[in-house]
C-alpha atoms as a PDB file:
ATOM      1  CA  MET A   1      64.796-149.756 -96.918  1.00  0.00           C
ATOM      2  CA  LYS A   2      65.788-146.113 -97.213  1.00  0.00           C
ATOM      3  CA  LEU A   3      62.586-144.131 -97.284  1.00  0.00           C
ATOM      4  CA  LYS A   4      64.282-140.942 -98.299  1.00  0.00           C
ATOM      5  CA  PHE A   5      64.390-142.321-101.770  1.00  0.00           C
ATOM      6  CA  ILE A   6      60.614-142.455-102.025  1.00  0.00           C
ATOM      7  CA  LYS A   7      60.552-138.734-101.851  1.00  0.00           C
ATOM      8  CA  ASN A   8      61.812-138.389-105.374  1.00  0.00           C
ATOM      9  CA  ALA A   9      59.678-141.193-106.866  1.00  0.00           C
ATOM     10  CA  ASP A  10      57.439-140.182-109.976  1.00  0.00           C
ATOM     11  CA  ILE A  11      55.575-143.496-109.674  1.00  0.00           C
ATOM     12  CA  LEU A  12      54.726-145.364-106.426  1.00  0.00           C
ATOM     13  CA  ILE A  13      53.285-148.872-106.721  1.00  0.00           C
ATOM     14  CA  TYR A  14      52.359-150.090-103.244  1.00  0.00           C
ATOM     15  CA  GLN A  15      50.346-152.600-101.219  1.00  0.00           C
ATOM     16  CA  PRO A  16      48.380-150.781 -98.528  1.00  0.00           C
ATOM     17  CA  LEU A  17      49.674-151.471 -94.896  1.00  0.00           C
ATOM     18  CA  ASN A  18      48.192-150.398 -91.682  1.00  0.00           C
ATOM     19  CA  GLU A  19      49.725-148.629 -88.825  1.00  0.00           C
ATOM     20  CA  LYS A  20      51.219-151.613 -87.105  1.00  0.00           C
ATOM     21  CA  HIS A  21      53.919-151.254 -89.969  1.00  0.00           C
ATOM     22  CA  LYS A  22      54.956-148.110 -88.264  1.00  0.00           C
ATOM     23  CA  LYS A  23      57.182-146.044 -90.762  1.00  0.00           C
ATOM     24  CA  PHE A  24      56.208-148.497 -93.601  1.00  0.00           C
ATOM     25  CA  SER A  25      52.433-147.862 -93.053  1.00  0.00           C
ATOM     26  CA  THR A  26      50.538-146.438 -95.987  1.00  0.00           C
ATOM     27  CA  ASN A  27      49.675-143.184 -94.131  1.00  0.00           C
ATOM     28  CA  ASN A  28      53.292-142.410 -93.336  1.00  0.00           C
ATOM     29  CA  ILE A  29      54.672-143.492 -96.946  1.00  0.00           C
ATOM     30  CA  LEU A  30      52.211-141.255 -98.720  1.00  0.00           C
ATOM     31  CA  LYS A  31      53.261-138.323 -96.379  1.00  0.00           C
ATOM     32  CA  LEU A  32      56.659-138.509 -97.909  1.00  0.00           C
ATOM     33  CA  ILE A  33      55.954-138.529-101.697  1.00  0.00           C
ATOM     34  CA  LYS A  34      55.687-135.338-103.802  1.00  0.00           C
ATOM     35  CA  THR A  35      52.358-134.205-104.788  1.00  0.00           C
ATOM     36  CA  THR A  36      53.052-134.985-108.560  1.00  0.00           C
ATOM     37  CA  CYS A  37      53.797-138.760-107.729  1.00  0.00           C
ATOM     38  CA  LYS A  38      51.593-141.022-109.385  1.00  0.00           C
ATOM     39  CA  THR A  39      50.342-143.698-107.071  1.00  0.00           C
ATOM     40  CA  ILE A  40      49.008-147.350-107.868  1.00  0.00           C
ATOM     41  CA  SER A  41      47.854-149.518-105.010  1.00  0.00           C
ATOM     42  CA  PHE A  42      47.340-153.359-105.227  1.00  0.00           C
ATOM     43  CA  PRO A  43      45.761-155.654-102.685  1.00  0.00           C
ATOM     44  CA  TYR A  44      47.537-158.501-100.682  1.00  0.00           C
ATOM     45  CA  ILE A  45      46.359-161.505-102.640  1.00  0.00           C
ATOM     46  CA  TYR A  46      45.566-164.605-100.655  1.00  0.00           C
ATOM     47  CA  ASN A  47      43.281-167.727-100.907  1.00  0.00           C
ATOM     48  CA  ASN A  48      43.809-170.743 -98.699  1.00  0.00           C
ATOM     49  CA  SER A  49      40.867-172.707-100.053  1.00  0.00           C
ATOM     50  CA  PHE A  50      42.099-174.448-103.010  1.00  0.00           C
ATOM     51  CA  TYR A  51      43.770-177.397-100.887  1.00  0.00           C
ATOM     52  CA  PRO A  52      42.365-179.482 -98.148  1.00  0.00           C
ATOM     53  CA  ILE A  53      45.159-179.005 -95.606  1.00  0.00           C
ATOM     54  CA  LYS A  54      48.469-177.700 -95.339  1.00  0.00           C
ATOM     55  CA  GLY A  55      51.477-178.212 -93.079  1.00  0.00           C
ATOM     56  CA  PRO A  56      55.159-179.422 -92.593  1.00  0.00           C
ATOM     57  CA  THR A  57      56.127-182.807 -93.735  1.00  0.00           C
ATOM     58  CA  GLU A  58      58.431-182.969 -90.755  1.00  0.00           C
ATOM     59  CA  ILE A  59      57.897-182.068 -87.353  1.00  0.00           C
ATOM     60  CA  ASN A  60      60.683-180.416 -85.458  1.00  0.00           C
ATOM     61  CA  GLN A  61      61.136-179.126 -81.800  1.00  0.00           C
ATOM     62  CA  SER A  62      60.195-175.548 -82.773  1.00  0.00           C
ATOM     63  CA  HIS A  63      56.402-176.780 -83.551  1.00  0.00           C
ATOM     64  CA  PHE A  64      56.031-178.267 -80.015  1.00  0.00           C
ATOM     65  CA  GLY A  65      53.870-176.020 -77.644  1.00  0.00           C
ATOM     66  CA  LYS A  66      52.060-174.352 -80.356  1.00  0.00           C
ATOM     67  CA  HIS A  67      48.425-175.167 -81.207  1.00  0.00           C
ATOM     68  CA  CYS A  68      47.812-177.500 -83.991  1.00  0.00           C
ATOM     69  CA  HIS A  69      45.915-175.216 -86.196  1.00  0.00           C
ATOM     70  CA  ILE A  70      48.806-172.792 -86.116  1.00  0.00           C
ATOM     71  CA  ILE A  71      51.168-175.434 -87.511  1.00  0.00           C
ATOM     72  CA  PHE A  72      48.676-177.185 -89.814  1.00  0.00           C
ATOM     73  CA  ASP A  73      46.263-174.924 -91.791  1.00  0.00           C
ATOM     74  CA  ASN A  74      42.699-176.183 -91.753  1.00  0.00           C
ATOM     75  CA  SER A  75      43.694-179.036 -89.306  1.00  0.00           C
ATOM     76  CA  GLU A  76      40.367-178.845 -87.430  1.00  0.00           C
ATOM     77  CA  CYS A  77      39.140-181.088 -90.238  1.00  0.00           C
ATOM     78  CA  ILE A  78      41.381-183.842 -89.003  1.00  0.00           C
ATOM     79  CA  THR A  79      41.415-183.155 -85.133  1.00  0.00           C
ATOM     80  CA  ASN A  80      37.536-183.179 -85.167  1.00  0.00           C
ATOM     81  CA  LEU A  81      37.846-186.741 -86.299  1.00  0.00           C
ATOM     82  CA  ILE A  82      40.373-187.565 -83.729  1.00  0.00           C
ATOM     83  CA  ASP A  83      38.270-186.097 -81.139  1.00  0.00           C
ATOM     84  CA  LYS A  84      35.500-188.492 -82.321  1.00  0.00           C
ATOM     85  CA  LYS A  85      37.880-191.412 -81.480  1.00  0.00           C
ATOM     86  CA  LEU A  86      38.762-192.256 -84.936  1.00  0.00           C
ATOM     87  CA  ASN A  87      42.169-193.788 -85.392  1.00  0.00           C
ATOM     88  CA  LEU A  88      44.966-192.997 -87.917  1.00  0.00           C
ATOM     89  CA  ASP A  89      43.980-195.676 -90.317  1.00  0.00           C
ATOM     90  CA  GLU A  90      40.324-194.801 -90.257  1.00  0.00           C
ATOM     91  CA  ILE A  91      41.170-191.176 -91.079  1.00  0.00           C
ATOM     92  CA  LEU A  92      43.364-192.276 -93.909  1.00  0.00           C
ATOM     93  CA  LYS A  93      40.928-194.531 -95.177  1.00  0.00           C
ATOM     94  CA  LEU A  94      38.199-191.517 -95.075  1.00  0.00           C
ATOM     95  CA  TYR A  95      40.874-189.448 -97.071  1.00  0.00           C
ATOM     96  CA  GLN A  96      41.410-192.158 -99.501  1.00  0.00           C
ATOM     97  CA  GLU A  97      37.766-192.395-100.163  1.00  0.00           C
ATOM     98  CA  ASN A  98      37.184-188.572-100.305  1.00  0.00           C
ATOM     99  CA  LYS A  99      34.759-188.707 -97.338  1.00  0.00           C
ATOM    100  CA  ILE A 100      36.400-185.846 -95.256  1.00  0.00           C
ATOM    101  CA  ASN A 101      34.651-182.437 -95.271  1.00  0.00           C
ATOM    102  CA  PHE A 102      37.369-179.815 -95.705  1.00  0.00           C
ATOM    103  CA  ASN A 103      35.016-177.004 -95.658  1.00  0.00           C
ATOM    104  CA  TYR A 104      35.958-175.610 -99.181  1.00  0.00           C
ATOM    105  CA  GLU A 105      32.838-173.465 -99.523  1.00  0.00           C
ATOM    106  CA  LYS A 106      33.191-171.673 -96.217  1.00  0.00           C
ATOM    107  CA  ARG A 107      37.035-170.968 -96.851  1.00  0.00           C
ATOM    108  CA  TYR A 108      36.592-169.977-100.363  1.00  0.00           C
ATOM    109  CA  ASN A 109      33.910-167.544 -99.571  1.00  0.00           C
ATOM    110  CA  ASN A 110      35.862-166.139 -96.559  1.00  0.00           C
ATOM    111  CA  THR A 111      38.958-165.477 -98.517  1.00  0.00           C
ATOM    112  CA  ILE A 112      37.009-164.025-101.491  1.00  0.00           C
ATOM    113  CA  ASN A 113      35.046-161.651 -99.149  1.00  0.00           C
ATOM    114  CA  ILE A 114      38.420-160.637 -97.496  1.00  0.00           C
ATOM    115  CA  LEU A 115      40.071-159.875-100.894  1.00  0.00           C
ATOM    116  CA  GLU A 116      36.863-157.977-102.182  1.00  0.00           C
ATOM    117  CA  ASN A 117      37.073-155.756 -98.997  1.00  0.00           C
ATOM    118  CA  ARG A 118      41.028-155.043 -99.462  1.00  0.00           C
ATOM    119  CA  GLU A 119      40.090-154.121-103.192  1.00  0.00           C
ATOM    120  CA  LYS A 120      37.824-151.489-102.161  1.00  0.00           C
ATOM    121  CA  VAL A 121      40.815-149.097-101.416  1.00  0.00           C
ATOM    122  CA  CYS A 122      42.998-150.275-104.244  1.00  0.00           C
ATOM    123  CA  ASP A 123      43.527-149.287-107.879  1.00  0.00           C
ATOM    124  CA  ILE A 124      44.260-152.885-108.982  1.00  0.00           C
ATOM    125  CA  LYS A 125      41.323-155.174-108.995  1.00  0.00           C
ATOM    126  CA  ILE A 126      42.016-159.160-109.149  1.00  0.00           C
ATOM    127  CA  ILE A 127      38.936-160.832-107.597  1.00  0.00           C
ATOM    128  CA  ASP A 128      36.783-160.968-110.673  1.00  0.00           C
ATOM    129  CA  PHE A 129      39.687-162.555-112.654  1.00  0.00           C
ATOM    130  CA  ILE A 130      40.148-165.169-109.871  1.00  0.00           C
ATOM    131  CA  LYS A 131      36.384-165.942-109.631  1.00  0.00           C
ATOM    132  CA  LYS A 132      36.286-166.390-113.652  1.00  0.00           C
ATOM    133  CA  ASN A 133      39.499-168.422-113.872  1.00  0.00           C
ATOM    134  CA  PHE A 134      40.179-170.550-110.811  1.00  0.00           C
ATOM    135  CA  THR A 135      38.763-173.561-112.348  1.00  0.00           C
ATOM    136  CA  LYS A 136      40.405-173.104-115.742  1.00  0.00           C
ATOM    137  CA  GLU A 137      44.012-173.022-114.660  1.00  0.00           C
ATOM    138  CA  ARG A 138      46.049-173.093-111.334  1.00  0.00           C
ATOM    139  CA  LEU A 139      46.122-169.508-109.748  1.00  0.00           C
ATOM    140  CA  PHE A 140      48.036-170.113-106.510  1.00  0.00           C
ATOM    141  CA  LEU A 141      51.244-172.039-105.664  1.00  0.00           C
ATOM    142  CA  LEU A 142      50.721-171.416-102.122  1.00  0.00           C
ATOM    143  CA  GLU A 143      47.964-169.528-100.285  1.00  0.00           C
ATOM    144  CA  ASN A 144      49.853-166.254-100.512  1.00  0.00           C
ATOM    145  CA  HIS A 145      52.048-166.983-103.688  1.00  0.00           C
ATOM    146  CA  PRO A 146      49.968-166.483-107.067  1.00  0.00           C
ATOM    147  CA  THR A 147      51.128-168.094-110.373  1.00  0.00           C
ATOM    148  CA  SER A 148      52.411-166.261-113.416  1.00  0.00           C
ATOM    149  CA  ILE A 149      49.019-165.437-114.855  1.00  0.00           C
ATOM    150  CA  ILE A 150      47.929-163.446-111.746  1.00  0.00           C
ATOM    151  CA  PHE A 151      51.186-161.434-112.222  1.00  0.00           C
ATOM    152  CA  ILE A 152      50.589-160.917-115.923  1.00  0.00           C
ATOM    153  CA  ASN A 153      47.070-159.654-115.110  1.00  0.00           C
ATOM    154  CA  ILE A 154      48.333-157.219-112.390  1.00  0.00           C
ATOM    155  CA  THR A 155      51.145-155.993-114.637  1.00  0.00           C
ATOM    156  CA  ASN A 156      48.700-155.220-117.532  1.00  0.00           C
ATOM    157  CA  GLN A 157      46.347-153.399-115.103  1.00  0.00           C
ATOM    158  CA  ILE A 158      49.204-151.180-114.062  1.00  0.00           C
ATOM    159  CA  LEU A 159      50.361-150.601-117.578  1.00  0.00           C
ATOM    160  CA  LYS A 160      47.057-149.530-118.515  1.00  0.00           C
ATOM    161  CA  ILE A 161      46.769-146.967-115.695  1.00  0.00           C
ATOM    162  CA  LEU A 162      50.179-145.603-117.110  1.00  0.00           C
ATOM    163  CA  ASN A 163      48.880-145.501-120.547  1.00  0.00           C
ATOM    164  CA  ILE A 164      51.528-147.983-121.605  1.00  0.00           C
ATOM    165  CA  LYS A 165      50.941-150.752-123.966  1.00  0.00           C
ATOM    166  CA  GLU A 166      49.855-154.019-122.275  1.00  0.00           C
ATOM    167  CA  LEU A 167      51.964-157.106-122.645  1.00  0.00           C
ATOM    168  CA  LYS A 168      50.514-159.989-124.987  1.00  0.00           C
ATOM    169  CA  ILE A 169      52.013-162.912-123.187  1.00  0.00           C
ATOM    170  CA  LEU A 170      50.649-166.133-124.770  1.00  0.00           C
ATOM    171  CA  GLU A 171      53.008-168.665-123.363  1.00  0.00           C
ATOM    172  CA  TYR A 172      53.985-168.563-119.699  1.00  0.00           C
ATOM    173  CA  GLY A 173      54.904-171.101-116.966  1.00  0.00           C
ATOM    174  CA  ILE A 174      53.097-171.645-113.738  1.00  0.00           C
ATOM    175  CA  ASN A 175      55.992-169.964-111.637  1.00  0.00           C
ATOM    176  CA  ASP A 176      57.962-167.690-113.824  1.00  0.00           C
ATOM    177  CA  CYS A 177      58.616-165.345-110.914  1.00  0.00           C
ATOM    178  CA  ASN A 178      60.484-168.401-109.239  1.00  0.00           C
ATOM    179  CA  LEU A 179      58.524-167.961-105.967  1.00  0.00           C
ATOM    180  CA  SER A 180      59.451-170.374-103.125  1.00  0.00           C
ATOM    181  CA  GLY A 181      56.943-173.191-101.940  1.00  0.00           C
ATOM    182  CA  TYR A 182      54.430-175.280-103.697  1.00  0.00           C
ATOM    183  CA  ILE A 183      51.247-177.215-102.579  1.00  0.00           C
ATOM    184  CA  PRO A 184      49.810-180.057-104.712  1.00  0.00           C
ATOM    185  CA  LEU A 185      46.218-179.988-105.405  1.00  0.00           C
ATOM    186  CA  ASP A 186      44.322-183.023-104.628  1.00  0.00           C
ATOM    187  CA  ILE A 187      41.435-185.073-105.903  1.00  0.00           C
ATOM    188  CA  SER A 188      39.094-183.641-103.054  1.00  0.00           C
ATOM    189  CA  SER A 189      39.619-180.171-104.191  1.00  0.00           C
ATOM    190  CA  LYS A 190      39.520-181.083-107.907  1.00  0.00           C
ATOM    191  CA  ASN A 191      36.086-182.665-107.289  1.00  0.00           C
ATOM    192  CA  TYR A 192      34.669-179.914-105.152  1.00  0.00           C
ATOM    193  CA  PHE A 193      35.828-177.124-107.564  1.00  0.00           C
ATOM    194  CA  ASN A 194      35.494-179.044-110.849  1.00  0.00           C
ATOM    195  CA  TYR A 195      39.028-177.988-112.127  1.00  0.00           C
ATOM    196  CA  GLU A 196      39.536-178.154-115.785  1.00  0.00           C
ATOM    197  CA  PHE A 197      43.147-178.755-115.332  1.00  0.00           C
ATOM    198  CA  GLU A 198      45.176-181.683-114.136  1.00  0.00           C
ATOM    199  CA  ILE A 199      46.117-182.199-110.503  1.00  0.00           C
ATOM    200  CA  ASP A 200      49.587-183.240-109.331  1.00  0.00           C
ATOM    201  CA  LYS A 201      50.082-187.044-109.582  1.00  0.00           C
ATOM    202  CA  ASP A 202      51.779-187.574-106.308  1.00  0.00           C
ATOM    203  CA  CYS A 203      49.492-185.332-104.278  1.00  0.00           C
ATOM    204  CA  ASP A 204      48.245-188.178-102.041  1.00  0.00           C
ATOM    205  CA  ASN A 205      51.762-188.582-100.642  1.00  0.00           C
ATOM    206  CA  TYR A 206      51.889-185.205 -99.253  1.00  0.00           C
ATOM    207  CA  TYR A 207      48.576-185.190 -97.861  1.00  0.00           C
ATOM    208  CA  LYS A 208      48.757-188.538 -96.372  1.00  0.00           C
ATOM    209  CA  GLN A 209      51.838-187.457 -94.553  1.00  0.00           C
ATOM    210  CA  CYS A 210      50.173-184.225 -93.449  1.00  0.00           C
ATOM    211  CA  ILE A 211      47.167-186.270 -91.966  1.00  0.00           C
ATOM    212  CA  ILE A 212      49.858-188.416 -90.157  1.00  0.00           C
ATOM    213  CA  ASN A 213      51.784-185.562 -88.658  1.00  0.00           C
ATOM    214  CA  ILE A 214      48.416-183.764 -87.682  1.00  0.00           C
ATOM    215  CA  PHE A 215      47.485-187.048 -85.823  1.00  0.00           C
ATOM    216  CA  ASN A 216      50.772-187.490 -84.153  1.00  0.00           C
ATOM    217  CA  PHE A 217      51.130-183.854 -83.236  1.00  0.00           C
ATOM    218  CA  TYR A 218      47.737-183.446 -81.854  1.00  0.00           C
ATOM    219  CA  THR A 219      47.722-186.676 -79.832  1.00  0.00           C
ATOM    220  CA  GLN A 220      51.198-186.381 -78.576  1.00  0.00           C
ATOM    221  CA  ASN A 221      51.556-182.460 -78.120  1.00  0.00           C
END
């Protein structure tokens, strides 16, 4: 990225970055722009609480030597059961019966609080929209990949700041930006959050495989 082009920008839309990003940090970027440049900041949008666990469906050599919780998000919910001497079949049975505590409340509150703090220094606000709508329609493909409705909301906030007519989009897909990656939502999260939309029909296959992989990785690594 050639930062010299930023010097001539009339509008700069950016996500705040701290000093570890060096020349791309917010403090450095804002030193480069002209005084008349209009700046609009938006937060890093992240929420990992809407699924029980997440991880690769296949284990490869690069995974070994790393901690299980690094490879598999929220894997502690499964490894704690392993530590209690439950075998794989018993854990899978607990999952099938929706008897595993995936700490949805703690994870939801944590990610919401983080986003609220990030928004304090941003022009674009999305937290209230998430709180009001996450049960009505799916808002995240992955923990850091929002669905189309999030982007529509952000875009309209930007247009409003620029005094441009907002978009009236009545029909949209779940992933009109063609972002990579997708995690199915399962019955445990649907029951906890009371989703008003349908979850993925083949979700159990993914999560059973994740549990199998966590069990094998944790007991063999």
